[in-house]
Amino acid sequence: MNERLDNPLGIIAGAGRFPFLVADGARRAGRPVVIVALRGLANPELRTLADRFYWSGIVRLGRWIRLFRKSGVHEAIMAGSVIKSEMYGRFRILRYVPDWTSIRLWFFEVADRRNDTILRATADHMQREGITLTDSVQYCREHLPVPGVLTKNQPSKALQKDIEFGWHIAKEMGRLDIGQAIAVKEREVIAVEAIEGTDRMIERAGQLCRHGGWTLIKVAKPNQDLRFDVPTVGPETIENLHRHGATALVFEAGITLAIDVEQMVARADRYGMVVLAHEPGNATHAREPS
């Protein structure tokens, strides 16, 4: 087990299907895969796609680095979701026992606790240890839809006005690293995504707009760093939107990861929803690590 692999790709795996897409794409490209799966989040079935598979806590940065270095990993990808709000709950120190590396980063190496600040500090620390965090979608670019309407239903004039109204607001939220999604109806903001994540924001929007008919707009941040926090939608997004009264999903084309897009569109058509991949705006490629 101590023998190093030849040019392996490391994957720090959170929840959802994204880690599966990365692992499958890397294997098709001929690279061995070493997965550090975040306990309580990652799917155990990822083990079937890994040449080396390890469990780790979410705030055990030092352990991630040691496991990767043991396997000869010099390049790694973060893939999968993490619900940051749970890290602010009661008894969080007992549930998420940090190692010393994570404690040092959390308390001494970040200016604030916003996602981009923490993730970039994590990437910088790993770089100093010889592990480069890289573009998270490089092995699954076929899952980034081009601009266009994906569903049978077409956007109405009212929806087009809501998109025009909400798009720039969502982009500004992204620039401030608040969130990547908003709910709008009749050119009014119903809810904004913050620390709770998109799914819980959708639930809140449904509670606030009980008559339904609202739209979710999900965007990339201006100058989106593709190493982490890439916006993601999928069939479960459609189910959640339908359950809470939304009638349209608008996301940024070319930079939003659409999981199982055919199934996602089929469900949207079944519910009479509109799904639109919007022309990209203010999004660039990932910057090179410093």
C-alpha atoms as a PDB file:
ATOM      1  CA  MET A   1       0.000   0.000   0.000  1.00  0.00           C
ATOM      2  CA  ASN A   2       2.959   2.340   0.471  1.00  0.00           C
ATOM      3  CA  GLU A   3       3.976   1.923  -3.193  1.00  0.00           C
ATOM      4  CA  ARG A   4       3.311   5.122  -5.124  1.00  0.00           C
ATOM      5  CA  LEU A   5       1.033   5.183  -8.147  1.00  0.00           C
ATOM      6  CA  ASP A   6       2.075   6.551 -11.542  1.00  0.00           C
ATOM      7  CA  ASN A   7       0.700  10.111 -12.054  1.00  0.00           C
ATOM      8  CA  PRO A   8      -2.385   9.689  -9.864  1.00  0.00           C
ATOM      9  CA  LEU A   9      -5.170  12.261  -9.525  1.00  0.00           C
ATOM     10  CA  GLY A  10      -6.377  12.999  -5.998  1.00  0.00           C
ATOM     11  CA  ILE A  11     -10.064  13.702  -5.400  1.00  0.00           C
ATOM     12  CA  ILE A  12     -11.423  15.309  -2.226  1.00  0.00           C
ATOM     13  CA  ALA A  13     -14.975  14.014  -2.441  1.00  0.00           C
ATOM     14  CA  GLY A  14     -18.033  15.638  -0.904  1.00  0.00           C
ATOM     15  CA  ALA A  15     -21.701  14.812  -1.445  1.00  0.00           C
ATOM     16  CA  GLY A  16     -23.492  14.211  -4.724  1.00  0.00           C
ATOM     17  CA  ARG A  17     -22.674  12.891  -8.187  1.00  0.00           C
ATOM     18  CA  PHE A  18     -19.890  15.342  -9.053  1.00  0.00           C
ATOM     19  CA  PRO A  19     -17.069  13.172  -7.583  1.00  0.00           C
ATOM     20  CA  PHE A  20     -18.291  10.227  -9.690  1.00  0.00           C
ATOM     21  CA  LEU A  21     -18.039  12.300 -12.886  1.00  0.00           C
ATOM     22  CA  VAL A  22     -14.503  13.437 -12.036  1.00  0.00           C
ATOM     23  CA  ALA A  23     -13.317   9.948 -11.090  1.00  0.00           C
ATOM     24  CA  ASP A  24     -14.851   8.350 -14.178  1.00  0.00           C
ATOM     25  CA  GLY A  25     -13.394  11.014 -16.474  1.00  0.00           C
ATOM     26  CA  ALA A  26      -9.937  10.714 -14.930  1.00  0.00           C
ATOM     27  CA  ARG A  27      -9.956   6.929 -15.309  1.00  0.00           C
ATOM     28  CA  ARG A  28     -11.022   7.243 -18.949  1.00  0.00           C
ATOM     29  CA  ALA A  29      -8.066   9.593 -19.405  1.00  0.00           C
ATOM     30  CA  GLY A  30      -5.797   6.848 -18.068  1.00  0.00           C
ATOM     31  CA  ARG A  31      -5.032   8.304 -14.653  1.00  0.00           C
ATOM     32  CA  PRO A  32      -5.100   6.323 -11.399  1.00  0.00           C
ATOM     33  CA  VAL A  33      -7.490   7.834  -8.861  1.00  0.00           C
ATOM     34  CA  VAL A  34      -6.901   8.382  -5.146  1.00  0.00           C
ATOM     35  CA  ILE A  35     -10.063   9.445  -3.318  1.00  0.00           C
ATOM     36  CA  VAL A  36     -10.204  11.079   0.097  1.00  0.00           C
ATOM     37  CA  ALA A  37     -13.913  10.830   0.898  1.00  0.00           C
ATOM     38  CA  LEU A  38     -15.390  13.265   3.413  1.00  0.00           C
ATOM     39  CA  ARG A  39     -17.079  11.234   6.118  1.00  0.00           C
ATOM     40  CA  GLY A  40     -20.834  11.770   6.366  1.00  0.00           C
ATOM     41  CA  LEU A  41     -20.974  13.356   2.904  1.00  0.00           C
ATOM     42  CA  ALA A  42     -19.351  11.222   0.208  1.00  0.00           C
ATOM     43  CA  ASN A  43     -21.041   8.166  -1.266  1.00  0.00           C
ATOM     44  CA  PRO A  44     -19.285   4.896  -0.257  1.00  0.00           C
ATOM     45  CA  GLU A  45     -19.817   3.602  -3.812  1.00  0.00           C
ATOM     46  CA  LEU A  46     -17.002   5.909  -4.930  1.00  0.00           C
ATOM     47  CA  ARG A  47     -14.707   3.165  -3.698  1.00  0.00           C
ATOM     48  CA  THR A  48     -15.430   1.236  -6.926  1.00  0.00           C
ATOM     49  CA  LEU A  49     -13.795   4.020  -8.988  1.00  0.00           C
ATOM     50  CA  ALA A  50     -10.716   4.455  -6.802  1.00  0.00           C
ATOM     51  CA  ASP A  51      -7.286   2.861  -6.950  1.00  0.00           C
ATOM     52  CA  ARG A  52      -6.841   4.075  -3.361  1.00  0.00           C
ATOM     53  CA  PHE A  53      -9.773   5.080  -1.148  1.00  0.00           C
ATOM     54  CA  TYR A  54      -9.683   6.728   2.288  1.00  0.00           C
ATOM     55  CA  TRP A  55     -12.225   8.265   4.646  1.00  0.00           C
ATOM     56  CA  SER A  56     -11.428  11.546   6.354  1.00  0.00           C
ATOM     57  CA  GLY A  57     -13.119  14.248   8.385  1.00  0.00           C
ATOM     58  CA  ILE A  58     -14.109  17.484   6.687  1.00  0.00           C
ATOM     59  CA  VAL A  59     -11.687  19.613   8.711  1.00  0.00           C
ATOM     60  CA  ARG A  60      -8.705  17.267   8.575  1.00  0.00           C
ATOM     61  CA  LEU A  61      -6.574  19.091   6.007  1.00  0.00           C
ATOM     62  CA  GLY A  62      -3.372  17.639   7.402  1.00  0.00           C
ATOM     63  CA  ARG A  63      -4.712  14.103   6.912  1.00  0.00           C
ATOM     64  CA  TRP A  64      -5.730  14.853   3.275  1.00  0.00           C
ATOM     65  CA  ILE A  65      -2.191  15.990   2.551  1.00  0.00           C
ATOM     66  CA  ARG A  66      -0.548  12.992   4.248  1.00  0.00           C
ATOM     67  CA  LEU A  67      -2.753  10.497   2.397  1.00  0.00           C
ATOM     68  CA  PHE A  68      -2.144  12.113  -0.970  1.00  0.00           C
ATOM     69  CA  ARG A  69       1.596  12.374  -0.467  1.00  0.00           C
ATOM     70  CA  LYS A  70       1.760   8.708   0.568  1.00  0.00           C
ATOM     71  CA  SER A  71       0.187   7.770  -2.762  1.00  0.00           C
ATOM     72  CA  GLY A  72       2.335  10.114  -4.843  1.00  0.00           C
ATOM     73  CA  VAL A  73      -0.448  12.617  -5.618  1.00  0.00           C
ATOM     74  CA  HIS A  74       0.766  16.000  -6.852  1.00  0.00           C
ATOM     75  CA  GLU A  75      -2.502  17.159  -8.436  1.00  0.00           C
ATOM     76  CA  ALA A  76      -5.934  17.077  -6.787  1.00  0.00           C
ATOM     77  CA  ILE A  77      -9.522  18.139  -7.414  1.00  0.00           C
ATOM     78  CA  MET A  78     -12.253  19.154  -4.979  1.00  0.00           C
ATOM     79  CA  ALA A  79     -15.613  17.771  -6.078  1.00  0.00           C
ATOM     80  CA  GLY A  80     -18.971  17.488  -4.342  1.00  0.00           C
ATOM     81  CA  SER A  81     -21.042  19.602  -2.014  1.00  0.00           C
ATOM     82  CA  VAL A  82     -20.531  20.521   1.624  1.00  0.00           C
ATOM     83  CA  ILE A  83     -23.260  22.213   3.661  1.00  0.00           C
ATOM     84  CA  LYS A  84     -21.260  24.847   5.478  1.00  0.00           C
ATOM     85  CA  SER A  85     -24.148  25.863   7.764  1.00  0.00           C
ATOM     86  CA  GLU A  86     -23.898  22.549   9.632  1.00  0.00           C
ATOM     87  CA  MET A  87     -20.429  23.565  10.773  1.00  0.00           C
ATOM     88  CA  TYR A  88     -22.019  26.346  12.834  1.00  0.00           C
ATOM     89  CA  GLY A  89     -24.348  24.074  14.774  1.00  0.00           C
ATOM     90  CA  ARG A  90     -24.292  23.104  18.426  1.00  0.00           C
ATOM     91  CA  PHE A  91     -21.430  20.798  19.485  1.00  0.00           C
ATOM     92  CA  ARG A  92     -19.669  21.492  16.172  1.00  0.00           C
ATOM     93  CA  ILE A  93     -16.222  20.981  17.742  1.00  0.00           C
ATOM     94  CA  LEU A  94     -17.224  17.475  18.842  1.00  0.00           C
ATOM     95  CA  ARG A  95     -18.789  16.598  15.480  1.00  0.00           C
ATOM     96  CA  TYR A  96     -16.045  18.128  13.319  1.00  0.00           C
ATOM     97  CA  VAL A  97     -12.835  17.504  15.211  1.00  0.00           C
ATOM     98  CA  PRO A  98     -10.197  19.564  13.358  1.00  0.00           C
ATOM     99  CA  ASP A  99      -6.565  18.609  13.088  1.00  0.00           C
ATOM    100  CA  TRP A 100      -3.823  21.115  13.863  1.00  0.00           C
ATOM    101  CA  THR A 101      -3.346  22.057  10.195  1.00  0.00           C
ATOM    102  CA  SER A 102      -7.034  22.986   9.897  1.00  0.00           C
ATOM    103  CA  ILE A 103      -6.996  24.890  13.190  1.00  0.00           C
ATOM    104  CA  ARG A 104      -3.992  26.903  12.078  1.00  0.00           C
ATOM    105  CA  LEU A 105      -5.616  27.742   8.737  1.00  0.00           C
ATOM    106  CA  TRP A 106      -9.025  28.579  10.265  1.00  0.00           C
ATOM    107  CA  PHE A 107      -7.740  30.853  13.012  1.00  0.00           C
ATOM    108  CA  PHE A 108      -4.471  32.252  11.663  1.00  0.00           C
ATOM    109  CA  GLU A 109      -4.355  32.054   7.859  1.00  0.00           C
ATOM    110  CA  VAL A 110      -7.701  33.485   6.689  1.00  0.00           C
ATOM    111  CA  ALA A 111      -8.904  37.074   6.855  1.00  0.00           C
ATOM    112  CA  ASP A 112     -12.581  36.039   6.968  1.00  0.00           C
ATOM    113  CA  ARG A 113     -14.695  32.871   6.753  1.00  0.00           C
ATOM    114  CA  ARG A 114     -16.236  33.312   3.315  1.00  0.00           C
ATOM    115  CA  ASN A 115     -16.080  30.300   0.995  1.00  0.00           C
ATOM    116  CA  ASP A 116     -13.571  31.757  -1.450  1.00  0.00           C
ATOM    117  CA  THR A 117     -11.268  32.938   1.330  1.00  0.00           C
ATOM    118  CA  ILE A 118     -11.178  29.532   3.034  1.00  0.00           C
ATOM    119  CA  LEU A 119     -10.888  27.517  -0.167  1.00  0.00           C
ATOM    120  CA  ARG A 120      -8.097  29.655  -1.603  1.00  0.00           C
ATOM    121  CA  ALA A 121      -6.204  29.465   1.680  1.00  0.00           C
ATOM    122  CA  THR A 122      -6.643  25.680   1.574  1.00  0.00           C
ATOM    123  CA  ALA A 123      -5.352  25.586  -2.007  1.00  0.00           C
ATOM    124  CA  ASP A 124      -2.364  27.767  -1.102  1.00  0.00           C
ATOM    125  CA  HIS A 125      -1.491  25.550   1.868  1.00  0.00           C
ATOM    126  CA  MET A 126      -1.715  22.383  -0.220  1.00  0.00           C
ATOM    127  CA  GLN A 127       0.445  24.008  -2.909  1.00  0.00           C
ATOM    128  CA  ARG A 128       3.147  24.655  -0.327  1.00  0.00           C
ATOM    129  CA  GLU A 129       2.997  20.938   0.509  1.00  0.00           C
ATOM    130  CA  GLY A 130       3.487  19.974  -3.136  1.00  0.00           C
ATOM    131  CA  ILE A 131      -0.144  19.271  -4.058  1.00  0.00           C
ATOM    132  CA  THR A 132      -1.795  21.526  -6.647  1.00  0.00           C
ATOM    133  CA  LEU A 133      -5.565  21.966  -6.582  1.00  0.00           C
ATOM    134  CA  THR A 134      -6.659  22.178 -10.193  1.00  0.00           C
ATOM    135  CA  ASP A 135      -9.673  22.851 -12.456  1.00  0.00           C
ATOM    136  CA  SER A 136     -12.454  20.690 -11.041  1.00  0.00           C
ATOM    137  CA  VAL A 137     -14.344  20.218 -14.339  1.00  0.00           C
ATOM    138  CA  GLN A 138     -11.431  19.327 -16.620  1.00  0.00           C
ATOM    139  CA  TYR A 139     -12.459  15.660 -16.712  1.00  0.00           C
ATOM    140  CA  CYS A 140     -16.196  16.250 -17.199  1.00  0.00           C
ATOM    141  CA  ARG A 141     -16.560  19.236 -19.537  1.00  0.00           C
ATOM    142  CA  GLU A 142     -19.216  17.373 -21.536  1.00  0.00           C
ATOM    143  CA  HIS A 143     -21.540  18.096 -18.590  1.00  0.00           C
ATOM    144  CA  LEU A 144     -21.349  21.889 -19.116  1.00  0.00           C
ATOM    145  CA  PRO A 145     -24.326  22.761 -21.371  1.00  0.00           C
ATOM    146  CA  VAL A 146     -24.067  25.372 -24.116  1.00  0.00           C
ATOM    147  CA  PRO A 147     -26.538  28.308 -24.176  1.00  0.00           C
ATOM    148  CA  GLY A 148     -30.132  27.512 -25.094  1.00  0.00           C
ATOM    149  CA  VAL A 149     -33.528  26.349 -23.869  1.00  0.00           C
ATOM    150  CA  LEU A 150     -33.253  22.703 -22.833  1.00  0.00           C
ATOM    151  CA  THR A 151     -36.951  21.982 -22.310  1.00  0.00           C
ATOM    152  CA  LYS A 152     -40.022  21.839 -24.539  1.00  0.00           C
ATOM    153  CA  ASN A 153     -41.517  24.828 -22.728  1.00  0.00           C
ATOM    154  CA  GLN A 154     -40.128  28.156 -23.893  1.00  0.00           C
ATOM    155  CA  PRO A 155     -39.549  31.269 -21.721  1.00  0.00           C
ATOM    156  CA  SER A 156     -42.505  33.645 -21.611  1.00  0.00           C
ATOM    157  CA  LYS A 157     -42.086  37.407 -21.846  1.00  0.00           C
ATOM    158  CA  ALA A 158     -42.674  37.602 -18.081  1.00  0.00           C
ATOM    159  CA  LEU A 159     -39.893  35.076 -17.461  1.00  0.00           C
ATOM    160  CA  GLN A 160     -37.542  36.963 -19.765  1.00  0.00           C
ATOM    161  CA  LYS A 161     -38.160  40.124 -17.732  1.00  0.00           C
ATOM    162  CA  ASP A 162     -37.476  38.226 -14.505  1.00  0.00           C
ATOM    163  CA  ILE A 163     -34.220  36.897 -15.934  1.00  0.00           C
ATOM    164  CA  GLU A 164     -33.133  40.359 -17.039  1.00  0.00           C
ATOM    165  CA  PHE A 165     -34.026  41.704 -13.604  1.00  0.00           C
ATOM    166  CA  GLY A 166     -32.422  38.940 -11.537  1.00  0.00           C
ATOM    167  CA  TRP A 167     -29.300  38.066 -13.496  1.00  0.00           C
ATOM    168  CA  HIS A 168     -27.218  41.097 -12.544  1.00  0.00           C
ATOM    169  CA  ILE A 169     -28.335  40.859  -8.910  1.00  0.00           C
ATOM    170  CA  ALA A 170     -27.222  37.235  -8.766  1.00  0.00           C
ATOM    171  CA  LYS A 171     -23.896  38.164 -10.363  1.00  0.00           C
ATOM    172  CA  GLU A 172     -23.319  40.890  -7.786  1.00  0.00           C
ATOM    173  CA  MET A 173     -24.087  38.427  -4.982  1.00  0.00           C
ATOM    174  CA  GLY A 174     -21.468  36.135  -6.473  1.00  0.00           C
ATOM    175  CA  ARG A 175     -18.936  38.928  -6.678  1.00  0.00           C
ATOM    176  CA  LEU A 176     -19.435  39.567  -2.958  1.00  0.00           C
ATOM    177  CA  ASP A 177     -19.163  35.791  -2.262  1.00  0.00           C
ATOM    178  CA  ILE A 178     -22.601  35.690  -0.619  1.00  0.00           C
ATOM    179  CA  GLY A 179     -24.163  32.981  -2.760  1.00  0.00           C
ATOM    180  CA  GLN A 180     -24.771  31.904  -6.338  1.00  0.00           C
ATOM    181  CA  ALA A 181     -28.552  31.740  -6.607  1.00  0.00           C
ATOM    182  CA  ILE A 182     -31.669  33.839  -6.136  1.00  0.00           C
ATOM    183  CA  ALA A 183     -35.418  33.259  -6.422  1.00  0.00           C
ATOM    184  CA  VAL A 184     -37.408  35.890  -8.333  1.00  0.00           C
ATOM    185  CA  LYS A 185     -41.024  36.469  -9.364  1.00  0.00           C
ATOM    186  CA  GLU A 186     -42.516  39.469 -11.142  1.00  0.00           C
ATOM    187  CA  ARG A 187     -39.204  41.348 -10.844  1.00  0.00           C
ATOM    188  CA  GLU A 188     -39.080  40.908  -7.084  1.00  0.00           C
ATOM    189  CA  VAL A 189     -36.396  39.034  -5.157  1.00  0.00           C
ATOM    190  CA  ILE A 190     -38.058  36.373  -3.025  1.00  0.00           C
ATOM    191  CA  ALA A 191     -35.000  34.721  -1.503  1.00  0.00           C
ATOM    192  CA  VAL A 192     -31.217  34.747  -1.811  1.00  0.00           C
ATOM    193  CA  GLU A 193     -28.753  31.944  -1.228  1.00  0.00           C
ATOM    194  CA  ALA A 194     -26.282  32.370   1.603  1.00  0.00           C
ATOM    195  CA  ILE A 195     -24.592  29.894   3.928  1.00  0.00           C
ATOM    196  CA  GLU A 196     -27.499  27.404   3.848  1.00  0.00           C
ATOM    197  CA  GLY A 197     -26.958  26.387   0.206  1.00  0.00           C
ATOM    198  CA  THR A 198     -29.270  26.298  -2.806  1.00  0.00           C
ATOM    199  CA  ASP A 199     -31.558  23.447  -1.703  1.00  0.00           C
ATOM    200  CA  ARG A 200     -32.505  25.092   1.570  1.00  0.00           C
ATOM    201  CA  MET A 201     -32.925  28.448  -0.142  1.00  0.00           C
ATOM    202  CA  ILE A 202     -35.373  26.789  -2.571  1.00  0.00           C
ATOM    203  CA  GLU A 203     -37.351  25.474   0.391  1.00  0.00           C
ATOM    204  CA  ARG A 204     -37.451  28.936   1.944  1.00  0.00           C
ATOM    205  CA  ALA A 205     -38.562  30.512  -1.340  1.00  0.00           C
ATOM    206  CA  GLY A 206     -41.440  28.041  -1.527  1.00  0.00           C
ATOM    207  CA  GLN A 207     -42.538  28.994   1.983  1.00  0.00           C
ATOM    208  CA  LEU A 208     -42.431  32.696   1.138  1.00  0.00           C
ATOM    209  CA  CYS A 209     -44.152  32.344  -2.254  1.00  0.00           C
ATOM    210  CA  ARG A 210     -46.906  29.827  -1.568  1.00  0.00           C
ATOM    211  CA  HIS A 211     -48.700  30.477  -4.876  1.00  0.00           C
ATOM    212  CA  GLY A 212     -45.609  29.336  -6.750  1.00  0.00           C
ATOM    213  CA  GLY A 213     -44.659  30.476 -10.220  1.00  0.00           C
ATOM    214  CA  TRP A 214     -41.204  31.718  -9.287  1.00  0.00           C
ATOM    215  CA  THR A 215     -37.822  31.281 -10.994  1.00  0.00           C
ATOM    216  CA  LEU A 216     -34.453  30.111  -9.698  1.00  0.00           C
ATOM    217  CA  ILE A 217     -31.472  31.892 -11.231  1.00  0.00           C
ATOM    218  CA  LYS A 218     -28.107  30.223 -10.560  1.00  0.00           C
ATOM    219  CA  VAL A 219     -24.865  31.802 -11.776  1.00  0.00           C
ATOM    220  CA  ALA A 220     -21.128  31.484 -11.560  1.00  0.00           C
ATOM    221  CA  LYS A 221     -19.223  34.103  -9.658  1.00  0.00           C
ATOM    222  CA  PRO A 222     -17.552  36.789 -11.760  1.00  0.00           C
ATOM    223  CA  ASN A 223     -14.012  35.499 -12.362  1.00  0.00           C
ATOM    224  CA  GLN A 224     -15.186  32.080 -11.150  1.00  0.00           C
ATOM    225  CA  ASP A 225     -12.312  29.962  -9.877  1.00  0.00           C
ATOM    226  CA  LEU A 226     -12.962  26.571 -11.449  1.00  0.00           C
ATOM    227  CA  ARG A 227     -10.946  24.808  -8.771  1.00  0.00           C
ATOM    228  CA  PHE A 228     -13.904  24.902  -6.407  1.00  0.00           C
ATOM    229  CA  ASP A 229     -17.522  25.913  -5.786  1.00  0.00           C
ATOM    230  CA  VAL A 230     -18.587  25.458  -9.428  1.00  0.00           C
ATOM    231  CA  PRO A 231     -22.394  25.894  -9.656  1.00  0.00           C
ATOM    232  CA  THR A 232     -24.211  22.580 -10.088  1.00  0.00           C
ATOM    233  CA  VAL A 233     -27.756  21.540 -11.037  1.00  0.00           C
ATOM    234  CA  GLY A 234     -29.358  18.176 -11.693  1.00  0.00           C
ATOM    235  CA  PRO A 235     -32.513  16.039 -11.439  1.00  0.00           C
ATOM    236  CA  GLU A 236     -32.741  16.580  -7.680  1.00  0.00           C
ATOM    237  CA  THR A 237     -32.699  20.335  -8.298  1.00  0.00           C
ATOM    238  CA  ILE A 238     -35.770  19.945 -10.532  1.00  0.00           C
ATOM    239  CA  GLU A 239     -37.554  17.798  -7.946  1.00  0.00           C
ATOM    240  CA  ASN A 240     -36.840  20.326  -5.218  1.00  0.00           C
ATOM    241  CA  LEU A 241     -37.984  23.247  -7.377  1.00  0.00           C
ATOM    242  CA  HIS A 242     -41.202  21.473  -8.337  1.00  0.00           C
ATOM    243  CA  ARG A 243     -41.905  20.525  -4.733  1.00  0.00           C
ATOM    244  CA  HIS A 244     -41.658  24.179  -3.705  1.00  0.00           C
ATOM    245  CA  GLY A 245     -43.576  25.785  -6.535  1.00  0.00           C
ATOM    246  CA  ALA A 246     -40.906  27.001  -8.969  1.00  0.00           C
ATOM    247  CA  THR A 247     -41.705  26.941 -12.677  1.00  0.00           C
ATOM    248  CA  ALA A 248     -38.316  27.815 -14.186  1.00  0.00           C
ATOM    249  CA  LEU A 249     -34.609  27.143 -13.707  1.00  0.00           C
ATOM    250  CA  VAL A 250     -32.072  29.486 -15.300  1.00  0.00           C
ATOM    251  CA  PHE A 251     -28.370  28.748 -14.992  1.00  0.00           C
ATOM    252  CA  GLU A 252     -25.178  30.030 -16.551  1.00  0.00           C
ATOM    253  CA  ALA A 253     -24.170  28.023 -19.621  1.00  0.00           C
ATOM    254  CA  GLY A 254     -20.659  26.741 -20.157  1.00  0.00           C
ATOM    255  CA  ILE A 255     -19.671  26.957 -16.495  1.00  0.00           C
ATOM    256  CA  THR A 256     -22.561  25.277 -14.617  1.00  0.00           C
ATOM    257  CA  LEU A 257     -22.251  21.527 -14.142  1.00  0.00           C
ATOM    258  CA  ALA A 258     -25.478  19.794 -15.201  1.00  0.00           C
ATOM    259  CA  ILE A 259     -25.613  16.343 -13.596  1.00  0.00           C
ATOM    260  CA  ASP A 260     -27.532  13.696 -15.611  1.00  0.00           C
ATOM    261  CA  VAL A 261     -28.842  16.418 -17.918  1.00  0.00           C
ATOM    262  CA  GLU A 262     -31.180  14.175 -19.947  1.00  0.00           C
ATOM    263  CA  GLN A 263     -32.923  12.971 -16.806  1.00  0.00           C
ATOM    264  CA  MET A 264     -33.021  16.547 -15.473  1.00  0.00           C
ATOM    265  CA  VAL A 265     -34.709  17.835 -18.636  1.00  0.00           C
ATOM    266  CA  ALA A 266     -37.137  14.901 -18.777  1.00  0.00           C
ATOM    267  CA  ARG A 267     -38.326  15.668 -15.255  1.00  0.00           C
ATOM    268  CA  ALA A 268     -38.658  19.363 -16.054  1.00  0.00           C
ATOM    269  CA  ASP A 269     -40.753  18.547 -19.138  1.00  0.00           C
ATOM    270  CA  ARG A 270     -42.944  16.266 -17.038  1.00  0.00           C
ATOM    271  CA  TYR A 271     -43.612  19.136 -14.613  1.00  0.00           C
ATOM    272  CA  GLY A 272     -44.077  21.776 -17.328  1.00  0.00           C
ATOM    273  CA  MET A 273     -41.016  23.710 -16.208  1.00  0.00           C
ATOM    274  CA  VAL A 274     -38.647  25.836 -18.271  1.00  0.00           C
ATOM    275  CA  VAL A 275     -34.923  25.103 -18.070  1.00  0.00           C
ATOM    276  CA  LEU A 276     -32.672  27.663 -19.723  1.00  0.00           C
ATOM    277  CA  ALA A 277     -28.890  27.654 -20.030  1.00  0.00           C
ATOM    278  CA  HIS A 278     -28.245  31.389 -20.138  1.00  0.00           C
ATOM    279  CA  GLU A 279     -25.498  33.026 -22.162  1.00  0.00           C
ATOM    280  CA  PRO A 280     -22.395  33.295 -19.928  1.00  0.00           C
ATOM    281  CA  GLY A 281     -21.530  36.593 -18.364  1.00  0.00           C
ATOM    282  CA  ASN A 282     -18.370  37.792 -16.604  1.00  0.00           C
ATOM    283  CA  ALA A 283     -16.999  34.260 -16.151  1.00  0.00           C
ATOM    284  CA  THR A 284     -13.365  33.414 -16.823  1.00  0.00           C
ATOM    285  CA  HIS A 285     -11.175  30.366 -16.576  1.00  0.00           C
ATOM    286  CA  ALA A 286      -9.649  29.323 -13.274  1.00  0.00           C
ATOM    287  CA  ARG A 287      -6.615  31.333 -12.338  1.00  0.00           C
ATOM    288  CA  GLU A 288      -3.344  29.573 -12.071  1.00  0.00           C
ATOM    289  CA  PRO A 289      -2.322  28.631  -8.522  1.00  0.00           C
ATOM    290  CA  SER A 290       0.220  31.010  -7.016  1.00  0.00           C
END
